[in-house]
C-alpha atoms as a PDB file:
ATOM      1  CA  MET A   1      -5.416 -13.498  -5.972  1.00  0.00           C
ATOM      2  CA  LYS A   2      -6.045 -10.616  -8.499  1.00  0.00           C
ATOM      3  CA  LYS A   3      -4.279 -12.487 -11.233  1.00  0.00           C
ATOM      4  CA  LEU A   4      -6.312 -15.610 -10.471  1.00  0.00           C
ATOM      5  CA  LEU A   5      -9.332 -13.549 -10.758  1.00  0.00           C
ATOM      6  CA  ILE A   6      -8.338 -12.098 -14.135  1.00  0.00           C
ATOM      7  CA  ALA A   7      -7.420 -15.486 -15.421  1.00  0.00           C
ATOM      8  CA  LEU A   8     -10.859 -16.817 -14.355  1.00  0.00           C
ATOM      9  CA  LEU A   9     -12.436 -13.911 -16.060  1.00  0.00           C
ATOM     10  CA  VAL A  10     -10.612 -14.441 -19.234  1.00  0.00           C
ATOM     11  CA  LEU A  11     -11.667 -18.065 -19.122  1.00  0.00           C
ATOM     12  CA  ALA A  12     -15.293 -17.103 -18.598  1.00  0.00           C
ATOM     13  CA  VAL A  13     -15.300 -14.778 -21.478  1.00  0.00           C
ATOM     14  CA  ALA A  14     -13.660 -17.263 -23.781  1.00  0.00           C
ATOM     15  CA  GLY A  15     -16.013 -20.038 -22.559  1.00  0.00           C
ATOM     16  CA  GLY A  16     -19.002 -17.750 -23.363  1.00  0.00           C
ATOM     17  CA  ALA A  17     -17.654 -16.921 -26.807  1.00  0.00           C
ATOM     18  CA  ALA A  18     -17.130 -20.570 -27.482  1.00  0.00           C
ATOM     19  CA  PHE A  19     -20.721 -21.345 -26.300  1.00  0.00           C
ATOM     20  CA  ALA A  20     -22.111 -18.485 -28.553  1.00  0.00           C
ATOM     21  CA  GLN A  21     -20.009 -19.894 -31.443  1.00  0.00           C
ATOM     22  CA  ASN A  22     -21.257 -23.440 -30.906  1.00  0.00           C
ATOM     23  CA  LYS A  23     -24.901 -22.675 -30.060  1.00  0.00           C
ATOM     24  CA  PRO A  24     -27.036 -24.547 -32.584  1.00  0.00           C
ATOM     25  CA  VAL A  25     -29.008 -22.409 -35.020  1.00  0.00           C
ATOM     26  CA  GLU A  26     -32.141 -23.325 -37.057  1.00  0.00           C
ATOM     27  CA  LEU A  27     -32.995 -21.440 -40.268  1.00  0.00           C
ATOM     28  CA  VAL A  28     -36.462 -21.800 -41.726  1.00  0.00           C
ATOM     29  CA  TYR A  29     -36.252 -21.170 -45.425  1.00  0.00           C
ATOM     30  CA  THR A  30     -39.512 -20.687 -47.378  1.00  0.00           C
ATOM     31  CA  MET A  31     -40.164 -20.038 -51.094  1.00  0.00           C
ATOM     32  CA  THR A  32     -42.943 -20.287 -53.671  1.00  0.00           C
ATOM     33  CA  ALA A  33     -40.912 -22.073 -56.321  1.00  0.00           C
ATOM     34  CA  VAL A  34     -41.795 -25.648 -57.276  1.00  0.00           C
ATOM     35  CA  PRO A  35     -39.158 -28.340 -56.596  1.00  0.00           C
ATOM     36  CA  THR A  36     -37.966 -28.434 -60.182  1.00  0.00           C
ATOM     37  CA  ASP A  37     -37.154 -24.747 -60.227  1.00  0.00           C
ATOM     38  CA  ALA A  38     -33.481 -23.885 -60.245  1.00  0.00           C
ATOM     39  CA  HIS A  39     -33.774 -21.591 -57.234  1.00  0.00           C
ATOM     40  CA  ALA A  40     -35.594 -24.343 -55.238  1.00  0.00           C
ATOM     41  CA  GLY A  41     -32.679 -26.478 -56.152  1.00  0.00           C
ATOM     42  CA  ALA A  42     -30.374 -23.720 -55.072  1.00  0.00           C
ATOM     43  CA  MET A  43     -32.203 -23.724 -51.665  1.00  0.00           C
ATOM     44  CA  ARG A  44     -31.477 -27.469 -51.400  1.00  0.00           C
ATOM     45  CA  VAL A  45     -27.845 -26.802 -52.236  1.00  0.00           C
ATOM     46  CA  PHE A  46     -27.725 -24.067 -49.566  1.00  0.00           C
ATOM     47  CA  LYS A  47     -29.062 -26.395 -47.044  1.00  0.00           C
ATOM     48  CA  GLU A  48     -26.598 -29.090 -47.889  1.00  0.00           C
ATOM     49  CA  VAL A  49     -23.603 -26.904 -47.946  1.00  0.00           C
ATOM     50  CA  VAL A  50     -24.443 -24.954 -44.764  1.00  0.00           C
ATOM     51  CA  GLU A  51     -25.170 -27.966 -42.789  1.00  0.00           C
ATOM     52  CA  ARG A  52     -21.998 -29.697 -44.031  1.00  0.00           C
ATOM     53  CA  VAL A  53     -19.483 -26.837 -43.520  1.00  0.00           C
ATOM     54  CA  SER A  54     -21.023 -25.981 -40.056  1.00  0.00           C
ATOM     55  CA  GLY A  55     -20.752 -29.561 -38.921  1.00  0.00           C
ATOM     56  CA  GLY A  56     -24.416 -29.511 -38.171  1.00  0.00           C
ATOM     57  CA  ASN A  57     -24.149 -26.348 -36.106  1.00  0.00           C
ATOM     58  CA  ILE A  58     -26.697 -24.756 -38.533  1.00  0.00           C
ATOM     59  CA  LYS A  59     -29.738 -26.786 -39.486  1.00  0.00           C
ATOM     60  CA  VAL A  60     -31.881 -25.502 -42.417  1.00  0.00           C
ATOM     61  CA  LYS A  61     -35.559 -26.423 -42.828  1.00  0.00           C
ATOM     62  CA  ALA A  62     -36.431 -25.842 -46.462  1.00  0.00           C
ATOM     63  CA  TYR A  63     -39.982 -25.460 -47.756  1.00  0.00           C
ATOM     64  CA  ASP A  64     -40.932 -24.967 -51.389  1.00  0.00           C
ATOM     65  CA  SER A  65     -44.096 -24.714 -53.429  1.00  0.00           C
ATOM     66  CA  ALA A  66     -45.717 -22.009 -51.137  1.00  0.00           C
ATOM     67  CA  SER A  67     -46.237 -24.815 -48.577  1.00  0.00           C
ATOM     68  CA  LEU A  68     -45.686 -22.319 -45.664  1.00  0.00           C
ATOM     69  CA  PHE A  69     -46.539 -18.937 -47.208  1.00  0.00           C
ATOM     70  CA  LYS A  70     -47.886 -17.590 -50.350  1.00  0.00           C
ATOM     71  CA  GLN A  71     -45.677 -15.495 -52.649  1.00  0.00           C
ATOM     72  CA  GLU A  72     -47.335 -12.314 -51.398  1.00  0.00           C
ATOM     73  CA  GLN A  73     -46.713 -13.283 -47.714  1.00  0.00           C
ATOM     74  CA  GLU A  74     -43.023 -14.319 -47.780  1.00  0.00           C
ATOM     75  CA  VAL A  75     -41.362 -11.008 -47.260  1.00  0.00           C
ATOM     76  CA  SER A  76     -43.568 -10.018 -44.295  1.00  0.00           C
ATOM     77  CA  ALA A  77     -43.159 -13.505 -42.795  1.00  0.00           C
ATOM     78  CA  VAL A  78     -39.328 -13.030 -42.860  1.00  0.00           C
ATOM     79  CA  LYS A  79     -39.549  -9.550 -41.508  1.00  0.00           C
ATOM     80  CA  SER A  80     -41.697 -10.638 -38.619  1.00  0.00           C
ATOM     81  CA  GLY A  81     -39.506 -13.684 -37.838  1.00  0.00           C
ATOM     82  CA  GLN A  82     -42.323 -16.183 -38.778  1.00  0.00           C
ATOM     83  CA  ALA A  83     -39.655 -17.518 -41.095  1.00  0.00           C
ATOM     84  CA  ASP A  84     -35.811 -16.887 -41.313  1.00  0.00           C
ATOM     85  CA  MET A  85     -35.157 -16.813 -44.929  1.00  0.00           C
ATOM     86  CA  THR A  86     -36.876 -16.547 -48.318  1.00  0.00           C
ATOM     87  CA  ALA A  87     -36.187 -16.068 -52.039  1.00  0.00           C
ATOM     88  CA  THR A  88     -37.338 -12.447 -52.886  1.00  0.00           C
ATOM     89  CA  ALA A  89     -36.425  -9.710 -55.293  1.00  0.00           C
ATOM     90  CA  ALA A  90     -36.639  -5.927 -55.751  1.00  0.00           C
ATOM     91  CA  PRO A  91     -40.335  -5.816 -56.775  1.00  0.00           C
ATOM     92  CA  TRP A  92     -41.180  -7.281 -53.373  1.00  0.00           C
ATOM     93  CA  LEU A  93     -39.187  -4.708 -51.513  1.00  0.00           C
ATOM     94  CA  THR A  94     -40.224  -1.401 -53.021  1.00  0.00           C
ATOM     95  CA  ASP A  95     -42.894  -0.634 -50.411  1.00  0.00           C
ATOM     96  CA  GLY A  96     -40.284  -0.172 -47.686  1.00  0.00           C
ATOM     97  CA  SER A  97     -37.491   1.015 -50.087  1.00  0.00           C
ATOM     98  CA  PRO A  98     -39.068   2.870 -52.990  1.00  0.00           C
ATOM     99  CA  TRP A  99     -35.605   3.568 -54.474  1.00  0.00           C
ATOM    100  CA  ILE A 100     -34.944  -0.042 -55.145  1.00  0.00           C
ATOM    101  CA  SER A 101     -37.694   0.163 -57.881  1.00  0.00           C
ATOM    102  CA  MET A 102     -34.862   1.040 -60.131  1.00  0.00           C
ATOM    103  CA  PHE A 103     -33.852  -2.653 -60.171  1.00  0.00           C
ATOM    104  CA  THR A 104     -37.421  -3.571 -61.194  1.00  0.00           C
ATOM    105  CA  ALA A 105     -37.447  -1.516 -64.314  1.00  0.00           C
ATOM    106  CA  GLY A 106     -37.756  -3.371 -67.604  1.00  0.00           C
ATOM    107  CA  TYR A 107     -34.480  -3.506 -69.636  1.00  0.00           C
ATOM    108  CA  ILE A 108     -32.477  -2.128 -66.698  1.00  0.00           C
ATOM    109  CA  PHE A 109     -30.077  -5.062 -67.264  1.00  0.00           C
ATOM    110  CA  LYS A 110     -28.895  -5.872 -70.833  1.00  0.00           C
ATOM    111  CA  SER A 111     -27.780  -9.428 -70.118  1.00  0.00           C
ATOM    112  CA  TYR A 112     -27.117 -12.090 -67.441  1.00  0.00           C
ATOM    113  CA  ASP A 113     -23.512 -10.907 -67.175  1.00  0.00           C
ATOM    114  CA  HIS A 114     -24.603  -7.386 -66.637  1.00  0.00           C
ATOM    115  CA  MET A 115     -27.152  -8.310 -63.896  1.00  0.00           C
ATOM    116  CA  THR A 116     -24.712 -10.523 -61.838  1.00  0.00           C
ATOM    117  CA  LYS A 117     -21.879  -8.050 -62.188  1.00  0.00           C
ATOM    118  CA  VAL A 118     -24.160  -5.375 -60.616  1.00  0.00           C
ATOM    119  CA  LEU A 119     -26.040  -7.308 -58.075  1.00  0.00           C
ATOM    120  CA  ASN A 120     -23.200  -9.609 -56.873  1.00  0.00           C
ATOM    121  CA  GLY A 121     -20.714  -6.771 -56.880  1.00  0.00           C
ATOM    122  CA  ASP A 122     -20.233  -3.578 -54.951  1.00  0.00           C
ATOM    123  CA  ILE A 123     -23.517  -1.952 -56.204  1.00  0.00           C
ATOM    124  CA  GLY A 124     -25.517  -4.895 -55.075  1.00  0.00           C
ATOM    125  CA  LYS A 125     -23.714  -5.102 -51.768  1.00  0.00           C
ATOM    126  CA  ALA A 126     -24.412  -1.519 -50.959  1.00  0.00           C
ATOM    127  CA  ALA A 127     -28.082  -1.741 -52.008  1.00  0.00           C
ATOM    128  CA  PHE A 128     -28.603  -4.916 -49.914  1.00  0.00           C
ATOM    129  CA  GLU A 129     -27.015  -3.195 -46.830  1.00  0.00           C
ATOM    130  CA  LYS A 130     -29.393  -0.352 -47.177  1.00  0.00           C
ATOM    131  CA  VAL A 131     -32.446  -2.608 -47.578  1.00  0.00           C
ATOM    132  CA  ALA A 132     -31.434  -4.439 -44.398  1.00  0.00           C
ATOM    133  CA  LYS A 133     -31.338  -1.131 -42.376  1.00  0.00           C
ATOM    134  CA  GLU A 134     -34.515   0.101 -43.815  1.00  0.00           C
ATOM    135  CA  GLN A 135     -36.700  -3.083 -43.699  1.00  0.00           C
ATOM    136  CA  GLY A 136     -35.168  -5.594 -41.370  1.00  0.00           C
ATOM    137  CA  ILE A 137     -34.550  -8.105 -44.156  1.00  0.00           C
ATOM    138  CA  ARG A 138     -31.123  -8.608 -45.780  1.00  0.00           C
ATOM    139  CA  PRO A 139     -30.652  -9.868 -49.247  1.00  0.00           C
ATOM    140  CA  LEU A 140     -27.434 -11.984 -49.413  1.00  0.00           C
ATOM    141  CA  GLY A 141     -26.921 -12.255 -53.114  1.00  0.00           C
ATOM    142  CA  ALA A 142     -28.651 -12.599 -56.505  1.00  0.00           C
ATOM    143  CA  GLU A 143     -29.424 -15.960 -58.325  1.00  0.00           C
ATOM    144  CA  TYR A 144     -30.265 -15.875 -62.002  1.00  0.00           C
ATOM    145  CA  LEU A 145     -33.923 -16.726 -62.413  1.00  0.00           C
ATOM    146  CA  GLY A 146     -33.888 -16.251 -66.243  1.00  0.00           C
ATOM    147  CA  THR A 147     -34.825 -13.623 -68.738  1.00  0.00           C
ATOM    148  CA  ARG A 148     -38.653 -12.902 -68.673  1.00  0.00           C
ATOM    149  CA  GLN A 149     -40.634 -13.547 -71.816  1.00  0.00           C
ATOM    150  CA  LEU A 150     -44.297 -13.397 -72.882  1.00  0.00           C
ATOM    151  CA  ASP A 151     -46.288 -16.633 -72.849  1.00  0.00           C
ATOM    152  CA  MET A 152     -49.812 -16.527 -74.286  1.00  0.00           C
ATOM    153  CA  VAL A 153     -52.888 -18.682 -74.101  1.00  0.00           C
ATOM    154  CA  LYS A 154     -53.564 -18.104 -77.859  1.00  0.00           C
ATOM    155  CA  ASP A 155     -51.103 -18.360 -80.808  1.00  0.00           C
ATOM    156  CA  VAL A 156     -50.312 -14.656 -81.087  1.00  0.00           C
ATOM    157  CA  TRP A 157     -47.142 -12.772 -82.135  1.00  0.00           C
ATOM    158  CA  ILE A 158     -46.519  -9.828 -79.763  1.00  0.00           C
ATOM    159  CA  LYS A 159     -44.344  -7.647 -82.058  1.00  0.00           C
ATOM    160  CA  THR A 160     -44.574  -4.259 -80.158  1.00  0.00           C
ATOM    161  CA  PRO A 161     -46.163  -2.851 -77.003  1.00  0.00           C
ATOM    162  CA  ASP A 162     -49.233  -1.908 -79.154  1.00  0.00           C
ATOM    163  CA  ASP A 163     -49.962  -5.641 -79.469  1.00  0.00           C
ATOM    164  CA  LEU A 164     -50.510  -5.924 -75.797  1.00  0.00           C
ATOM    165  CA  LYS A 165     -53.240  -3.252 -75.660  1.00  0.00           C
ATOM    166  CA  GLY A 166     -56.114  -4.781 -73.659  1.00  0.00           C
ATOM    167  CA  VAL A 167     -54.378  -8.066 -73.082  1.00  0.00           C
ATOM    168  CA  LYS A 168     -54.860  -9.485 -69.572  1.00  0.00           C
ATOM    169  CA  LEU A 169     -51.373 -10.242 -68.565  1.00  0.00           C
ATOM    170  CA  ARG A 170     -50.863 -12.048 -65.296  1.00  0.00           C
ATOM    171  CA  MET A 171     -48.309 -10.435 -63.007  1.00  0.00           C
ATOM    172  CA  PRO A 172     -47.200 -11.093 -59.391  1.00  0.00           C
ATOM    173  CA  ASN A 173     -49.316  -9.109 -56.986  1.00  0.00           C
ATOM    174  CA  SER A 174     -47.099  -6.104 -56.070  1.00  0.00           C
ATOM    175  CA  ASP A 175     -47.340  -2.616 -57.221  1.00  0.00           C
ATOM    176  CA  SER A 176     -43.906  -2.593 -58.966  1.00  0.00           C
ATOM    177  CA  TRP A 177     -44.655  -5.927 -60.774  1.00  0.00           C
ATOM    178  CA  LEU A 178     -48.070  -4.539 -61.962  1.00  0.00           C
ATOM    179  CA  PHE A 179     -46.384  -1.461 -63.200  1.00  0.00           C
ATOM    180  CA  LEU A 180     -43.983  -3.463 -65.356  1.00  0.00           C
ATOM    181  CA  GLY A 181     -47.010  -5.150 -66.842  1.00  0.00           C
ATOM    182  CA  LYS A 182     -48.556  -1.739 -67.655  1.00  0.00           C
ATOM    183  CA  ALA A 183     -45.265  -0.456 -69.009  1.00  0.00           C
ATOM    184  CA  LEU A 184     -45.149  -3.362 -71.431  1.00  0.00           C
ATOM    185  CA  GLY A 185     -48.528  -2.097 -72.790  1.00  0.00           C
ATOM    186  CA  ALA A 186     -50.817  -4.739 -71.278  1.00  0.00           C
ATOM    187  CA  ASN A 187     -53.589  -4.820 -68.747  1.00  0.00           C
ATOM    188  CA  PRO A 188     -51.747  -6.358 -65.716  1.00  0.00           C
ATOM    189  CA  THR A 189     -53.778  -8.870 -63.762  1.00  0.00           C
ATOM    190  CA  PRO A 190     -52.486 -10.034 -60.274  1.00  0.00           C
ATOM    191  CA  ILE A 191     -52.501 -13.646 -59.643  1.00  0.00           C
ATOM    192  CA  SER A 192     -50.353 -15.665 -57.296  1.00  0.00           C
ATOM    193  CA  PHE A 193     -47.797 -17.926 -58.929  1.00  0.00           C
ATOM    194  CA  SER A 194     -49.273 -21.035 -57.246  1.00  0.00           C
ATOM    195  CA  GLU A 195     -52.809 -20.173 -58.851  1.00  0.00           C
ATOM    196  CA  LEU A 196     -51.294 -19.335 -62.342  1.00  0.00           C
ATOM    197  CA  TYR A 197     -51.640 -22.713 -64.052  1.00  0.00           C
ATOM    198  CA  MET A 198     -55.313 -22.862 -63.396  1.00  0.00           C
ATOM    199  CA  ALA A 199     -55.719 -19.106 -64.517  1.00  0.00           C
ATOM    200  CA  LEU A 200     -54.111 -19.876 -67.830  1.00  0.00           C
ATOM    201  CA  GLN A 201     -56.049 -23.195 -68.224  1.00  0.00           C
ATOM    202  CA  THR A 202     -59.367 -21.400 -67.700  1.00  0.00           C
ATOM    203  CA  LYS A 203     -58.339 -18.347 -69.710  1.00  0.00           C
ATOM    204  CA  THR A 204     -58.848 -16.022 -66.805  1.00  0.00           C
ATOM    205  CA  VAL A 205     -55.899 -14.234 -68.177  1.00  0.00           C
ATOM    206  CA  ASP A 206     -54.640 -14.027 -71.801  1.00  0.00           C
ATOM    207  CA  GLY A 207     -50.912 -14.728 -70.895  1.00  0.00           C
ATOM    208  CA  GLN A 208     -48.198 -14.323 -68.499  1.00  0.00           C
ATOM    209  CA  ASP A 209     -44.581 -13.340 -68.201  1.00  0.00           C
ATOM    210  CA  ASN A 210     -41.923 -15.626 -66.654  1.00  0.00           C
ATOM    211  CA  PRO A 211     -38.440 -16.882 -67.665  1.00  0.00           C
ATOM    212  CA  LEU A 212     -38.470 -19.910 -69.918  1.00  0.00           C
ATOM    213  CA  PRO A 213     -37.098 -22.301 -67.154  1.00  0.00           C
ATOM    214  CA  SER A 214     -40.097 -21.290 -65.042  1.00  0.00           C
ATOM    215  CA  ASP A 215     -42.483 -21.911 -67.894  1.00  0.00           C
ATOM    216  CA  LYS A 216     -41.186 -25.409 -68.214  1.00  0.00           C
ATOM    217  CA  ASN A 217     -40.896 -26.269 -64.555  1.00  0.00           C
ATOM    218  CA  ALA A 218     -44.357 -25.094 -63.843  1.00  0.00           C
ATOM    219  CA  LYS A 219     -45.847 -26.694 -67.011  1.00  0.00           C
ATOM    220  CA  PHE A 220     -47.359 -23.506 -68.288  1.00  0.00           C
ATOM    221  CA  TYR A 221     -46.557 -24.760 -71.923  1.00  0.00           C
ATOM    222  CA  GLU A 222     -49.371 -27.313 -71.440  1.00  0.00           C
ATOM    223  CA  VAL A 223     -51.979 -24.560 -71.239  1.00  0.00           C
ATOM    224  CA  THR A 224     -50.470 -21.913 -73.620  1.00  0.00           C
ATOM    225  CA  LYS A 225     -49.914 -21.799 -77.450  1.00  0.00           C
ATOM    226  CA  SER A 226     -47.136 -19.239 -78.106  1.00  0.00           C
ATOM    227  CA  ILE A 227     -44.112 -17.475 -76.601  1.00  0.00           C
ATOM    228  CA  THR A 228     -42.833 -14.167 -77.695  1.00  0.00           C
ATOM    229  CA  LEU A 229     -39.135 -13.509 -76.887  1.00  0.00           C
ATOM    230  CA  THR A 230     -39.107  -9.812 -75.489  1.00  0.00           C
ATOM    231  CA  ASN A 231     -36.183 -10.147 -73.102  1.00  0.00           C
ATOM    232  CA  HIS A 232     -37.930  -7.467 -71.058  1.00  0.00           C
ATOM    233  CA  PHE A 233     -36.455  -8.280 -67.666  1.00  0.00           C
ATOM    234  CA  VAL A 234     -33.271 -10.077 -66.773  1.00  0.00           C
ATOM    235  CA  ASP A 235     -34.734 -11.555 -63.604  1.00  0.00           C
ATOM    236  CA  SER A 236     -33.000 -12.607 -60.382  1.00  0.00           C
ATOM    237  CA  VAL A 237     -34.094 -13.924 -57.052  1.00  0.00           C
ATOM    238  CA  TRP A 238     -32.442 -12.870 -53.914  1.00  0.00           C
ATOM    239  CA  PRO A 239     -31.751 -15.246 -50.846  1.00  0.00           C
ATOM    240  CA  ALA A 240     -32.716 -12.994 -47.933  1.00  0.00           C
ATOM    241  CA  ILE A 241     -32.599 -13.401 -44.213  1.00  0.00           C
ATOM    242  CA  ASN A 242     -34.311 -11.710 -41.299  1.00  0.00           C
ATOM    243  CA  GLU A 243     -31.860  -9.021 -40.139  1.00  0.00           C
ATOM    244  CA  LYS A 244     -32.210  -9.732 -36.365  1.00  0.00           C
ATOM    245  CA  LYS A 245     -31.432 -13.416 -37.133  1.00  0.00           C
ATOM    246  CA  TRP A 246     -28.452 -12.390 -39.212  1.00  0.00           C
ATOM    247  CA  GLN A 247     -26.999 -10.160 -36.544  1.00  0.00           C
ATOM    248  CA  SER A 248     -27.522 -12.947 -33.883  1.00  0.00           C
ATOM    249  CA  LEU A 249     -25.122 -15.146 -35.889  1.00  0.00           C
ATOM    250  CA  THR A 250     -21.355 -15.134 -35.111  1.00  0.00           C
ATOM    251  CA  ASP A 251     -18.975 -14.203 -37.824  1.00  0.00           C
ATOM    252  CA  GLN A 252     -18.164 -17.796 -38.434  1.00  0.00           C
ATOM    253  CA  GLN A 253     -21.847 -18.760 -38.763  1.00  0.00           C
ATOM    254  CA  LYS A 254     -22.309 -15.892 -41.209  1.00  0.00           C
ATOM    255  CA  GLY A 255     -19.368 -17.207 -43.204  1.00  0.00           C
ATOM    256  CA  TRP A 256     -20.990 -20.572 -43.322  1.00  0.00           C
ATOM    257  CA  VAL A 257     -24.242 -19.124 -44.595  1.00  0.00           C
ATOM    258  CA  MET A 258     -22.459 -17.131 -47.218  1.00  0.00           C
ATOM    259  CA  GLU A 259     -20.709 -20.330 -48.395  1.00  0.00           C
ATOM    260  CA  GLY A 260     -24.150 -21.818 -48.960  1.00  0.00           C
ATOM    261  CA  VAL A 261     -25.511 -18.667 -50.672  1.00  0.00           C
ATOM    262  CA  LYS A 262     -22.548 -18.627 -53.174  1.00  0.00           C
ATOM    263  CA  ALA A 263     -22.940 -22.362 -53.778  1.00  0.00           C
ATOM    264  CA  GLY A 264     -26.712 -21.821 -54.478  1.00  0.00           C
ATOM    265  CA  ILE A 265     -25.973 -18.908 -56.783  1.00  0.00           C
ATOM    266  CA  LYS A 266     -23.500 -21.139 -58.830  1.00  0.00           C
ATOM    267  CA  TYR A 267     -26.028 -23.862 -59.020  1.00  0.00           C
ATOM    268  CA  CYS A 268     -29.050 -21.775 -59.994  1.00  0.00           C
ATOM    269  CA  ASP A 269     -27.170 -19.666 -62.515  1.00  0.00           C
ATOM    270  CA  GLU A 270     -25.582 -22.476 -64.279  1.00  0.00           C
ATOM    271  CA  THR A 271     -28.872 -24.473 -64.279  1.00  0.00           C
ATOM    272  CA  ASN A 272     -30.933 -21.709 -65.751  1.00  0.00           C
ATOM    273  CA  LEU A 273     -28.351 -20.557 -68.327  1.00  0.00           C
ATOM    274  CA  LYS A 274     -28.125 -24.160 -69.738  1.00  0.00           C
ATOM    275  CA  ALA A 275     -31.901 -24.402 -69.659  1.00  0.00           C
ATOM    276  CA  GLU A 276     -32.462 -21.270 -71.579  1.00  0.00           C
ATOM    277  CA  SER A 277     -29.947 -22.493 -74.326  1.00  0.00           C
ATOM    278  CA  GLU A 278     -32.256 -25.523 -74.869  1.00  0.00           C
ATOM    279  CA  LEU A 279     -35.833 -24.517 -74.150  1.00  0.00           C
ATOM    280  CA  VAL A 280     -36.841 -22.760 -77.392  1.00  0.00           C
ATOM    281  CA  GLU A 281     -36.503 -25.997 -79.146  1.00  0.00           C
ATOM    282  CA  PHE A 282     -38.254 -27.833 -76.362  1.00  0.00           C
ATOM    283  CA  PHE A 283     -41.268 -25.544 -76.619  1.00  0.00           C
ATOM    284  CA  LYS A 284     -41.388 -25.810 -80.335  1.00  0.00           C
ATOM    285  CA  SER A 285     -41.380 -29.573 -79.969  1.00  0.00           C
ATOM    286  CA  ALA A 286     -44.176 -29.303 -77.481  1.00  0.00           C
ATOM    287  CA  GLY A 287     -46.251 -27.594 -80.200  1.00  0.00           C
ATOM    288  CA  LEU A 288     -45.867 -23.954 -79.165  1.00  0.00           C
ATOM    289  CA  LYS A 289     -44.950 -21.246 -81.650  1.00  0.00           C
ATOM    290  CA  VAL A 290     -41.955 -19.106 -80.579  1.00  0.00           C
ATOM    291  CA  TYR A 291     -41.664 -15.556 -82.073  1.00  0.00           C
ATOM    292  CA  LYS A 292     -39.277 -12.671 -81.638  1.00  0.00           C
ATOM    293  CA  ALA A 293     -40.568  -9.274 -80.557  1.00  0.00           C
ATOM    294  CA  ASP A 294     -39.114  -5.860 -81.816  1.00  0.00           C
ATOM    295  CA  ILE A 295     -36.806  -5.524 -78.762  1.00  0.00           C
ATOM    296  CA  ASP A 296     -35.886  -1.837 -79.636  1.00  0.00           C
ATOM    297  CA  ALA A 297     -39.510  -0.863 -79.767  1.00  0.00           C
ATOM    298  CA  PHE A 298     -40.301  -2.563 -76.396  1.00  0.00           C
ATOM    299  CA  ALA A 299     -37.025  -1.127 -74.758  1.00  0.00           C
ATOM    300  CA  LYS A 300     -37.770   2.420 -75.799  1.00  0.00           C
ATOM    301  CA  HIS A 301     -41.345   2.211 -74.642  1.00  0.00           C
ATOM    302  CA  VAL A 302     -40.735   0.528 -71.326  1.00  0.00           C
ATOM    303  CA  GLN A 303     -37.896   2.774 -70.404  1.00  0.00           C
ATOM    304  CA  ALA A 304     -39.816   5.884 -71.188  1.00  0.00           C
ATOM    305  CA  GLU A 305     -42.662   4.615 -69.029  1.00  0.00           C
ATOM    306  CA  TYR A 306     -40.306   4.157 -66.135  1.00  0.00           C
ATOM    307  CA  LEU A 307     -38.430   7.334 -66.432  1.00  0.00           C
ATOM    308  CA  ASN A 308     -41.727   9.407 -66.478  1.00  0.00           C
ATOM    309  CA  SER A 309     -43.155   7.496 -63.519  1.00  0.00           C
ATOM    310  CA  GLN A 310     -43.483   8.130 -59.862  1.00  0.00           C
ATOM    311  CA  TYR A 311     -40.864   5.448 -59.266  1.00  0.00           C
ATOM    312  CA  ALA A 312     -38.143   7.432 -61.078  1.00  0.00           C
ATOM    313  CA  LYS A 313     -38.537  10.284 -58.621  1.00  0.00           C
ATOM    314  CA  THR A 314     -37.141   8.086 -55.842  1.00  0.00           C
ATOM    315  CA  TRP A 315     -34.045   6.968 -57.950  1.00  0.00           C
ATOM    316  CA  ASP A 316     -30.552   8.054 -57.553  1.00  0.00           C
ATOM    317  CA  MET A 317     -29.767   8.880 -61.148  1.00  0.00           C
ATOM    318  CA  ASP A 318     -25.911   8.752 -60.520  1.00  0.00           C
ATOM    319  CA  LEU A 319     -26.580   5.144 -59.415  1.00  0.00           C
ATOM    320  CA  PHE A 320     -28.699   4.477 -62.448  1.00  0.00           C
ATOM    321  CA  LYS A 321     -25.802   5.659 -64.659  1.00  0.00           C
ATOM    322  CA  ARG A 322     -23.369   3.427 -62.870  1.00  0.00           C
ATOM    323  CA  ILE A 323     -25.631   0.473 -63.549  1.00  0.00           C
ATOM    324  CA  GLN A 324     -25.946   1.367 -67.201  1.00  0.00           C
ATOM    325  CA  ASP A 325     -22.198   1.885 -67.409  1.00  0.00           C
ATOM    326  CA  ALA A 326     -21.599  -1.535 -66.008  1.00  0.00           C
ATOM    327  CA  ALA A 327     -22.991  -3.129 -69.219  1.00  0.00           C
ATOM    328  CA  ASN A 328     -19.933  -2.063 -71.048  1.00  0.00           C
END
């Protein structure tokens, strides 16, 4: 009888585990990006891969174009469980983790290779784990958004930070994004991405900063006259999930999700790298002037602004050095 009870208990535990393994999961994934943005495409790739490899065990509801939440609301929506996933980045996470402002600093990364080596390597893994513990939202990787440049309403060559004095430069509405605008030498003006086209068209702002693929996909080139290549921020977007939702998944389900994340990273990176290699000529053909800034002057100015700021007081300078060394 005792052996029979033990056997029944084992079967019950195994059956419960199988039920947990096979319990259907729904993930609501929201982002601001327009459908033609590579990271919106990466979300669709994520959905396709996760639903396929899970055999339908995980269903992904994907929403782009800020159709569920505005850019400024996405992180709080995921933290609260109103959505399960979003595409975020360090500047949206600094309120809960001030130290991560290190990853928002202009010229922190020297290139795409440097960025992805850091954020999709051991440094990024440890940083994402810490964010999950501190804030209840877990970044799962870093997709290349592109390298941010200056896009101006008027035909103006921005050679050095002095040329941005008094310029109303649109920045996303978070303290760390606004500080980047200030560090560049501009007068940063917060406007949501979904409202930016109109702000440029009506000259509410003098310009904006975004990667070239975003400028094309959101059609900002229709309402601007010049682009200056400053390379001031090698930008990435981080697929992130509500931590409670993540911990509710089985190991197998987590594995399926990570397969989708890696497929999305590959798609997004390859798409944006290809676009950047072609877009300067596209913008010239569209009638925009394209200029090159004094990168050394910008880098020296921006880095000094960050190192002398309140942000730097929260930084682990040993980690800062590791990030810098990873460029070599």
